[in-house]
PDB file of N, CA and C in Angstrom:
ATOM      1  N   MET A   1     100.014 104.064 113.675  1.00  0.00           N
ATOM      2  CA  MET A   1     100.789 103.940 112.462  1.00  0.00           C
ATOM      3  C   MET A   1     100.189 102.838 111.599  1.00  0.00           C
ATOM      4  N   ASN A   2     100.237 103.029 110.317  1.00  0.00           N
ATOM      5  CA  ASN A   2      99.724 102.055 109.374  1.00  0.00           C
ATOM      6  C   ASN A   2     100.593 100.797 109.413  1.00  0.00           C
ATOM      7  N   MET A   3      99.963  99.629 109.482  1.00  0.00           N
ATOM      8  CA  MET A   3     100.708  98.377 109.594  1.00  0.00           C
ATOM      9  C   MET A   3     101.573  98.117 108.365  1.00  0.00           C
ATOM     10  N   LYS A   4     101.117  98.571 107.186  1.00  0.00           N
ATOM     11  CA  LYS A   4     101.899  98.365 105.971  1.00  0.00           C
ATOM     12  C   LYS A   4     103.248  99.059 106.101  1.00  0.00           C
ATOM     13  N   TYR A   5     103.224 100.294 106.546  1.00  0.00           N
ATOM     14  CA  TYR A   5     104.457 101.049 106.668  1.00  0.00           C
ATOM     15  C   TYR A   5     105.318 100.536 107.804  1.00  0.00           C
ATOM     16  N   GLU A   6     104.694 100.033 108.849  1.00  0.00           N
ATOM     17  CA  GLU A   6     105.456  99.470 109.963  1.00  0.00           C
ATOM     18  C   GLU A   6     106.242  98.245 109.496  1.00  0.00           C
ATOM     19  N   SER A   7     105.624  97.401 108.684  1.00  0.00           N
ATOM     20  CA  SER A   7     106.311  96.223 108.158  1.00  0.00           C
ATOM     21  C   SER A   7     107.448  96.634 107.237  1.00  0.00           C
ATOM     22  N   GLN A   8     107.231  97.650 106.423  1.00  0.00           N
ATOM     23  CA  GLN A   8     108.279  98.126 105.528  1.00  0.00           C
ATOM     24  C   GLN A   8     109.459  98.671 106.326  1.00  0.00           C
ATOM     25  N   GLU A   9     109.170  99.395 107.395  1.00  0.00           N
ATOM     26  CA  GLU A   9     110.234  99.940 108.237  1.00  0.00           C
ATOM     27  C   GLU A   9     111.011  98.826 108.935  1.00  0.00           C
ATOM     28  N   ASN A  10     110.295  97.817 109.431  1.00  0.00           N
ATOM     29  CA  ASN A  10     110.957  96.691 110.096  1.00  0.00           C
ATOM     30  C   ASN A  10     111.866  95.954 109.122  1.00  0.00           C
ATOM     31  N   LEU A  11     111.397  95.755 107.898  1.00  0.00           N
ATOM     32  CA  LEU A  11     112.200  95.067 106.895  1.00  0.00           C
ATOM     33  C   LEU A  11     113.418  95.915 106.510  1.00  0.00           C
ATOM     34  N   ALA A  12     113.247  97.217 106.432  1.00  0.00           N
ATOM     35  CA  ALA A  12     114.360  98.107 106.100  1.00  0.00           C
ATOM     36  C   ALA A  12     115.432  98.062 107.189  1.00  0.00           C
ATOM     37  N   ILE A  13     115.020  98.006 108.446  1.00  0.00           N
ATOM     38  CA  ILE A  13     115.979  97.908 109.549  1.00  0.00           C
ATOM     39  C   ILE A  13     116.756  96.597 109.455  1.00  0.00           C
ATOM     40  N   ALA A  14     116.048  95.498 109.192  1.00  0.00           N
ATOM     41  CA  ALA A  14     116.698  94.192 109.070  1.00  0.00           C
ATOM     42  C   ALA A  14     117.668  94.183 107.890  1.00  0.00           C
ATOM     43  N   LYS A  15     117.283  94.799 106.776  1.00  0.00           N
ATOM     44  CA  LYS A  15     118.176  94.863 105.613  1.00  0.00           C
ATOM     45  C   LYS A  15     119.416  95.708 105.925  1.00  0.00           C
ATOM     46  N   GLY A  16     119.237  96.770 106.686  1.00  0.00           N
ATOM     47  CA  GLY A  16     120.372  97.600 107.081  1.00  0.00           C
ATOM     48  C   GLY A  16     121.355  96.826 107.942  1.00  0.00           C
ATOM     49  N   LEU A  17     120.833  96.022 108.855  1.00  0.00           N
ATOM     50  CA  LEU A  17     121.706  95.203 109.697  1.00  0.00           C
ATOM     51  C   LEU A  17     122.422  94.134 108.866  1.00  0.00           C
ATOM     52  N   ALA A  18     121.726  93.565 107.900  1.00  0.00           N
ATOM     53  CA  ALA A  18     122.344  92.567 107.017  1.00  0.00           C
ATOM     54  C   ALA A  18     123.453  93.217 106.194  1.00  0.00           C
ATOM     55  N   SER A  19     123.216  94.424 105.744  1.00  0.00           N
ATOM     56  CA  SER A  19     124.218  95.150 104.972  1.00  0.00           C
ATOM     57  C   SER A  19     125.449  95.458 105.832  1.00  0.00           C
ATOM     58  N   ALA A  20     125.210  95.844 107.069  1.00  0.00           N
ATOM     59  CA  ALA A  20     126.319  96.123 107.981  1.00  0.00           C
ATOM     60  C   ALA A  20     127.151  94.864 108.215  1.00  0.00           C
ATOM     61  N   ALA A  21     126.499  93.721 108.309  1.00  0.00           N
ATOM     62  CA  ALA A  21     127.222  92.461 108.498  1.00  0.00           C
ATOM     63  C   ALA A  21     128.014  92.108 107.241  1.00  0.00           C
ATOM     64  N   ARG A  22     127.419  92.362 106.085  1.00  0.00           N
ATOM     65  CA  ARG A  22     128.080  92.054 104.826  1.00  0.00           C
ATOM     66  C   ARG A  22     129.370  92.865 104.658  1.00  0.00           C
ATOM     67  N   PHE A  23     129.354  94.106 105.110  1.00  0.00           N
ATOM     68  CA  PHE A  23     130.518  94.973 104.962  1.00  0.00           C
ATOM     69  C   PHE A  23     131.461  94.931 106.161  1.00  0.00           C
ATOM     70  N   GLY A  24     131.167  94.068 107.132  1.00  0.00           N
ATOM     71  CA  GLY A  24     132.078  93.855 108.242  1.00  0.00           C
ATOM     72  C   GLY A  24     132.007  94.877 109.360  1.00  0.00           C
ATOM     73  N   GLN A  25     130.977  95.700 109.383  1.00  0.00           N
ATOM     74  CA  GLN A  25     130.854  96.684 110.453  1.00  0.00           C
ATOM     75  C   GLN A  25     130.462  96.026 111.772  1.00  0.00           C
ATOM     76  N   ILE A  26     129.657  94.978 111.687  1.00  0.00           N
ATOM     77  CA  ILE A  26     129.311  94.164 112.860  1.00  0.00           C
ATOM     78  C   ILE A  26     129.394  92.703 112.445  1.00  0.00           C
ATOM     79  N   SER A  27     129.494  91.818 113.411  1.00  0.00           N
ATOM     80  CA  SER A  27     129.610  90.397 113.088  1.00  0.00           C
ATOM     81  C   SER A  27     128.267  89.859 112.590  1.00  0.00           C
ATOM     82  N   TYR A  28     128.333  88.757 111.877  1.00  0.00           N
ATOM     83  CA  TYR A  28     127.135  88.123 111.336  1.00  0.00           C
ATOM     84  C   TYR A  28     126.179  87.728 112.459  1.00  0.00           C
ATOM     85  N   GLU A  29     126.718  87.104 113.494  1.00  0.00           N
ATOM     86  CA  GLU A  29     125.882  86.640 114.608  1.00  0.00           C
ATOM     87  C   GLU A  29     125.222  87.806 115.339  1.00  0.00           C
ATOM     88  N   GLU A  30     125.952  88.883 115.530  1.00  0.00           N
ATOM     89  CA  GLU A  30     125.398  90.055 116.196  1.00  0.00           C
ATOM     90  C   GLU A  30     124.281  90.672 115.360  1.00  0.00           C
ATOM     91  N   ALA A  31     124.499  90.769 114.061  1.00  0.00           N
ATOM     92  CA  ALA A  31     123.484  91.319 113.166  1.00  0.00           C
ATOM     93  C   ALA A  31     122.241  90.434 113.147  1.00  0.00           C
ATOM     94  N   LYS A  32     122.454  89.133 113.136  1.00  0.00           N
ATOM     95  CA  LYS A  32     121.329  88.192 113.119  1.00  0.00           C
ATOM     96  C   LYS A  32     120.496  88.329 114.390  1.00  0.00           C
ATOM     97  N   LYS A  33     121.175  88.454 115.522  1.00  0.00           N
ATOM     98  CA  LYS A  33     120.480  88.612 116.804  1.00  0.00           C
ATOM     99  C   LYS A  33     119.657  89.897 116.842  1.00  0.00           C
ATOM    100  N   LYS A  34     120.239  90.984 116.334  1.00  0.00           N
ATOM    101  CA  LYS A  34     119.550  92.269 116.355  1.00  0.00           C
ATOM    102  C   LYS A  34     118.397  92.322 115.349  1.00  0.00           C
ATOM    103  N   ALA A  35     118.525  91.633 114.233  1.00  0.00           N
ATOM    104  CA  ALA A  35     117.509  91.686 113.178  1.00  0.00           C
ATOM    105  C   ALA A  35     116.338  90.747 113.442  1.00  0.00           C
ATOM    106  N   GLN A  36     116.532  89.713 114.227  1.00  0.00           N
ATOM    107  CA  GLN A  36     115.500  88.691 114.406  1.00  0.00           C
ATOM    108  C   GLN A  36     114.155  89.230 114.911  1.00  0.00           C
ATOM    109  N   PRO A  37     114.110  90.132 115.889  1.00  0.00           N
ATOM    110  CA  PRO A  37     112.801  90.652 116.325  1.00  0.00           C
ATOM    111  C   PRO A  37     112.049  91.376 115.202  1.00  0.00           C
ATOM    112  N   TYR A  38     112.789  92.082 114.348  1.00  0.00           N
ATOM    113  CA  TYR A  38     112.145  92.784 113.238  1.00  0.00           C
ATOM    114  C   TYR A  38     111.628  91.790 112.200  1.00  0.00           C
ATOM    115  N   LEU A  39     112.407  90.758 111.923  1.00  0.00           N
ATOM    116  CA  LEU A  39     111.969  89.743 110.966  1.00  0.00           C
ATOM    117  C   LEU A  39     110.768  88.965 111.498  1.00  0.00           C
ATOM    118  N   ASP A  40     110.734  88.726 112.800  1.00  0.00           N
ATOM    119  CA  ASP A  40     109.593  88.033 113.397  1.00  0.00           C
ATOM    120  C   ASP A  40     108.308  88.833 113.184  1.00  0.00           C
ATOM    121  N   LYS A  41     108.391  90.155 113.345  1.00  0.00           N
ATOM    122  CA  LYS A  41     107.215  91.007 113.135  1.00  0.00           C
ATOM    123  C   LYS A  41     106.772  90.990 111.680  1.00  0.00           C
ATOM    124  N   VAL A  42     107.726  91.095 110.767  1.00  0.00           N
ATOM    125  CA  VAL A  42     107.404  91.085 109.338  1.00  0.00           C
ATOM    126  C   VAL A  42     106.791  89.748 108.941  1.00  0.00           C
ATOM    127  N   ASN A  43     107.370  88.653 109.423  1.00  0.00           N
ATOM    128  CA  ASN A  43     106.864  87.325 109.082  1.00  0.00           C
ATOM    129  C   ASN A  43     105.481  87.078 109.665  1.00  0.00           C
ATOM    130  N   ALA A  44     105.228  87.578 110.860  1.00  0.00           N
ATOM    131  CA  ALA A  44     103.905  87.412 111.466  1.00  0.00           C
ATOM    132  C   ALA A  44     102.847  88.143 110.648  1.00  0.00           C
ATOM    133  N   LYS A  45     103.156  89.363 110.235  1.00  0.00           N
ATOM    134  CA  LYS A  45     102.207  90.144 109.448  1.00  0.00           C
ATOM    135  C   LYS A  45     102.003  89.505 108.068  1.00  0.00           C
ATOM    136  N   GLY A  46     103.074  89.048 107.456  1.00  0.00           N
ATOM    137  CA  GLY A  46     102.973  88.400 106.152  1.00  0.00           C
ATOM    138  C   GLY A  46     102.156  87.131 106.211  1.00  0.00           C
ATOM    139  N   SER A  47     102.341  86.366 107.264  1.00  0.00           N
ATOM    140  CA  SER A  47     101.571  85.136 107.445  1.00  0.00           C
ATOM    141  C   SER A  47     100.091  85.441 107.634  1.00  0.00           C
ATOM    142  N   GLU A  48      99.814  86.485 108.396  1.00  0.00           N
ATOM    143  CA  GLU A  48      98.433  86.905 108.639  1.00  0.00           C
ATOM    144  C   GLU A  48      97.744  87.318 107.327  1.00  0.00           C
ATOM    145  N   ILE A  49      98.437  88.076 106.509  1.00  0.00           N
ATOM    146  CA  ILE A  49      97.874  88.523 105.235  1.00  0.00           C
ATOM    147  C   ILE A  49      97.674  87.336 104.293  1.00  0.00           C
ATOM    148  N   ALA A  50      98.656  86.432 104.238  1.00  0.00           N
ATOM    149  CA  ALA A  50      98.539  85.266 103.369  1.00  0.00           C
ATOM    150  C   ALA A  50      97.357  84.390 103.776  1.00  0.00           C
ATOM    151  N   LYS A  51      97.170  84.230 105.074  1.00  0.00           N
ATOM    152  CA  LYS A  51      96.060  83.419 105.565  1.00  0.00           C
ATOM    153  C   LYS A  51      94.724  84.058 105.181  1.00  0.00           C
ATOM    154  N   LYS A  52      94.675  85.367 105.245  1.00  0.00           N
ATOM    155  CA  LYS A  52      93.457  86.107 104.915  1.00  0.00           C
ATOM    156  C   LYS A  52      93.037  85.868 103.462  1.00  0.00           C
ATOM    157  N   PHE A  53      94.027  85.769 102.563  1.00  0.00           N
ATOM    158  CA  PHE A  53      93.735  85.605 101.145  1.00  0.00           C
ATOM    159  C   PHE A  53      93.907  84.168 100.659  1.00  0.00           C
ATOM    160  N   GLY A  54      94.143  83.237 101.578  1.00  0.00           N
ATOM    161  CA  GLY A  54      94.243  81.832 101.219  1.00  0.00           C
ATOM    162  C   GLY A  54      95.490  81.495 100.416  1.00  0.00           C
ATOM    163  N   LYS A  55      96.571  82.186 100.680  1.00  0.00           N
ATOM    164  CA  LYS A  55      97.822  81.962  99.969  1.00  0.00           C
ATOM    165  C   LYS A  55      98.873  81.412 100.916  1.00  0.00           C
ATOM    166  N   ARG A  56      99.964  80.928 100.344  1.00  0.00           N
ATOM    167  CA  ARG A  56     101.061  80.406 101.146  1.00  0.00           C
ATOM    168  C   ARG A  56     102.114  81.501 101.317  1.00  0.00           C
ATOM    169  N   PHE A  57     102.635  81.620 102.519  1.00  0.00           N
ATOM    170  CA  PHE A  57     103.644  82.646 102.810  1.00  0.00           C
ATOM    171  C   PHE A  57     104.983  81.975 103.076  1.00  0.00           C
ATOM    172  N   THR A  58     106.020  82.465 102.426  1.00  0.00           N
ATOM    173  CA  THR A  58     107.376  81.990 102.679  1.00  0.00           C
ATOM    174  C   THR A  58     108.061  82.994 103.587  1.00  0.00           C
ATOM    175  N   PRO A  59     108.409  82.597 104.803  1.00  0.00           N
ATOM    176  CA  PRO A  59     109.018  83.535 105.751  1.00  0.00           C
ATOM    177  C   PRO A  59     110.351  84.085 105.248  1.00  0.00           C
ATOM    178  N   ILE A  60     110.646  85.302 105.642  1.00  0.00           N
ATOM    179  CA  ILE A  60     111.905  85.941 105.294  1.00  0.00           C
ATOM    180  C   ILE A  60     112.947  85.503 106.312  1.00  0.00           C
ATOM    181  N   GLN A  61     114.069  85.005 105.811  1.00  0.00           N
ATOM    182  CA  GLN A  61     115.146  84.542 106.677  1.00  0.00           C
ATOM    183  C   GLN A  61     116.325  85.499 106.594  1.00  0.00           C
ATOM    184  N   PHE A  62     117.043  85.635 107.688  1.00  0.00           N
ATOM    185  CA  PHE A  62     118.173  86.554 107.724  1.00  0.00           C
ATOM    186  C   PHE A  62     119.248  86.139 106.719  1.00  0.00           C
ATOM    187  N   SER A  63     119.474  84.860 106.578  1.00  0.00           N
ATOM    188  CA  SER A  63     120.516  84.391 105.657  1.00  0.00           C
ATOM    189  C   SER A  63     120.217  84.803 104.215  1.00  0.00           C
ATOM    190  N   LYS A  64     118.946  84.904 103.866  1.00  0.00           N
ATOM    191  CA  LYS A  64     118.557  85.341 102.514  1.00  0.00           C
ATOM    192  C   LYS A  64     118.815  86.835 102.331  1.00  0.00           C
ATOM    193  N   LEU A  65     118.690  87.613 103.411  1.00  0.00           N
ATOM    194  CA  LEU A  65     118.930  89.061 103.311  1.00  0.00           C
ATOM    195  C   LEU A  65     120.406  89.370 103.101  1.00  0.00           C
ATOM    196  N   VAL A  66     121.266  88.542 103.648  1.00  0.00           N
ATOM    197  CA  VAL A  66     122.696  88.806 103.593  1.00  0.00           C
ATOM    198  C   VAL A  66     123.259  88.519 102.200  1.00  0.00           C
ATOM    199  N   ARG A  67     122.571  87.703 101.429  1.00  0.00           N
ATOM    200  CA  ARG A  67     123.065  87.352 100.088  1.00  0.00           C
ATOM    201  C   ARG A  67     123.093  88.516  99.170  1.00  0.00           C
TER     202      ARG A  67
END
């Protein structure tokens, strides 16, 4: 699978969990726990790409997704 699409899918899953927490379907802590592995993958790939091009990468945090 293409890494670009894998990162997009991981981010979409994390956003879905954040949305579920926002609407009260699952608790905030439960959503954060479930989303963290996906965010770790996205942040690792983003950091790798930023390093390749000599740029600074700001990691995606779960609290920012819930806003």
